Amino acid sequence: QVQPVESGGGLVQPGGSLTLSCTASRSIFSFTVMGWYRQAPGKERELVARITSGGSANYVDSVKGRFTIGSDNAKNAVYLQMNSLKPEDTAVYYCTMRYVEDGLDYWGQGTQVTVSS
């Protein structure tokens, strides 16, 4: 079974930093695309950042220059480093991984990020 598991959310003040982690039950090489989505109350879920197995990354405009997505093959993990956080970054963040064997996107349970003073 493929089940990403997120960790690292929490409460942070504006301007602060958080790192979200997502670990997979299989080698990171089992996934063609890995990404982070977020959903704020009353809003649709949006793609925040995505990285391919080849290392190509892209970001939603609102986080460019502040967030960085990366992966650690040894730990079967993908990360989202979030700097200069703003109140509008408050949301539940979800990790997703596209499994190479069936082409399906598998989702984590989500982790809450709250940016508030």
Protein backbone atom coordinates (compact mmCIF):
# COMPACT_ATOMS: atom_id res chain seq x y z
CA GLN A 1 0.00 0.00 0.00
CA VAL A 2 1.22 3.47 -0.88
CA GLN A 3 0.49 6.00 1.84
CA PRO A 4 2.42 9.25 2.17
CA VAL A 5 2.65 10.56 5.73
CA GLU A 6 3.16 14.27 6.43
CA SER A 7 4.69 15.91 9.47
CA GLY A 8 6.04 19.29 10.51
CA GLY A 9 3.01 21.53 10.57
CA GLY A 10 2.24 23.89 13.41
CA LEU A 11 1.79 27.46 14.52
CA VAL A 12 4.35 30.05 13.44
CA GLN A 13 4.51 33.84 13.52
CA PRO A 14 4.51 35.87 10.32
CA GLY A 15 7.98 35.96 8.86
CA GLY A 16 8.86 32.64 10.43
CA SER A 17 9.82 29.32 8.87
CA LEU A 18 8.58 25.74 8.88
CA THR A 19 9.68 22.59 7.13
CA LEU A 20 7.10 20.02 6.13
CA SER A 21 8.16 16.43 5.56
CA CYS A 22 6.44 13.65 3.70
CA THR A 23 7.69 10.10 3.91
CA ALA A 24 6.73 7.29 1.58
CA SER A 25 6.32 3.60 2.22
CA ARG A 26 8.41 2.89 -0.87
CA SER A 27 11.58 4.15 -2.46
CA ILE A 28 11.26 7.70 -3.68
CA PHE A 29 12.22 6.35 -7.09
CA SER A 30 8.80 4.65 -7.18
CA PHE A 31 7.19 8.03 -7.78
CA THR A 32 7.29 10.13 -10.92
CA VAL A 33 5.92 13.34 -9.43
CA MET A 34 5.74 14.50 -5.83
CA GLY A 35 4.03 17.61 -4.67
CA TRP A 36 2.45 19.72 -1.98
CA TYR A 37 -1.06 21.12 -2.13
CA ARG A 38 -2.86 23.29 0.37
CA GLN A 39 -6.42 24.11 1.21
CA ALA A 40 -7.46 27.11 3.24
CA PRO A 41 -10.93 27.39 4.82
CA GLY A 42 -13.53 28.24 2.20
CA LYS A 43 -11.05 27.93 -0.66
CA GLU A 44 -10.27 25.31 -3.25
CA ARG A 45 -7.25 23.09 -2.91
CA GLU A 46 -4.29 24.50 -4.84
CA LEU A 47 -0.94 23.18 -5.96
CA VAL A 48 1.87 24.82 -4.00
CA ALA A 49 4.96 23.08 -5.36
CA ARG A 50 5.82 20.01 -7.37
CA ILE A 51 9.00 18.13 -8.17
CA THR A 52 9.57 15.40 -10.72
CA SER A 53 11.77 12.35 -10.31
CA GLY A 54 14.24 14.15 -12.55
CA GLY A 55 14.46 17.03 -10.09
CA SER A 56 12.48 19.63 -12.01
CA ALA A 57 10.47 21.82 -9.65
CA ASN A 58 7.74 24.38 -10.10
CA TYR A 59 5.83 26.62 -7.71
CA VAL A 60 2.66 28.62 -7.52
CA ASP A 61 3.48 32.29 -7.99
CA SER A 62 2.49 33.27 -4.46
CA VAL A 63 5.27 31.16 -2.89
CA LYS A 64 8.10 31.63 -5.39
CA GLY A 65 11.25 32.78 -3.66
CA ARG A 66 9.91 31.76 -0.25
CA PHE A 67 9.26 28.01 -0.49
CA THR A 68 11.58 25.27 -1.67
CA ILE A 69 10.65 21.69 -2.48
CA GLY A 70 13.23 18.94 -2.33
CA SER A 71 13.63 15.22 -1.85
CA ASP A 72 15.89 12.92 0.13
CA ASN A 73 16.27 9.60 -1.61
CA ALA A 74 17.94 7.94 1.37
CA LYS A 75 14.99 8.78 3.60
CA ASN A 76 12.26 8.23 0.98
CA ALA A 77 11.04 11.72 1.75
CA VAL A 78 10.01 14.93 0.09
CA TYR A 79 10.25 18.26 1.90
CA LEU A 80 8.75 21.71 1.70
CA GLN A 81 10.92 24.39 3.25
CA MET A 82 8.73 27.43 3.92
CA ASN A 83 10.34 30.78 4.74
CA SER A 84 8.96 34.26 5.23
CA LEU A 85 5.57 32.82 6.04
CA LYS A 86 2.51 35.01 5.74
CA PRO A 87 -0.96 34.72 7.30
CA GLU A 88 -2.32 33.84 3.87
CA ASP A 89 -0.16 30.70 3.89
CA THR A 90 -2.42 29.32 6.61
CA ALA A 91 -3.97 26.10 5.33
CA VAL A 92 -3.94 22.35 5.58
CA TYR A 93 -1.00 21.13 3.52
CA TYR A 94 -1.21 17.80 1.71
CA CYS A 95 1.56 15.71 0.24
CA THR A 96 0.87 13.78 -2.92
CA MET A 97 2.94 11.23 -4.80
CA ARG A 98 2.29 9.70 -8.22
CA TYR A 99 3.11 6.01 -8.12
CA VAL A 100 4.96 4.79 -11.20
CA GLU A 101 3.28 1.37 -11.28
CA ASP A 102 -0.33 2.54 -11.53
CA GLY A 103 -0.06 6.23 -12.38
CA LEU A 104 -2.32 7.17 -9.49
CA ASP A 105 -1.78 10.07 -7.10
CA TYR A 106 -1.65 9.04 -3.46
CA TRP A 107 -2.44 11.62 -0.80
CA GLY A 108 -1.36 12.08 2.77
CA GLN A 109 -3.77 12.94 5.55
CA GLY A 110 -2.73 16.60 5.69
CA THR A 111 -0.93 18.75 8.22
CA GLN A 112 -2.14 22.11 9.53
CA VAL A 113 0.01 25.19 9.09
CA THR A 114 -1.14 28.32 10.89
CA VAL A 115 0.64 31.64 10.47
CA SER A 116 -0.48 34.08 13.11
CA SER A 117 0.87 36.50 15.67
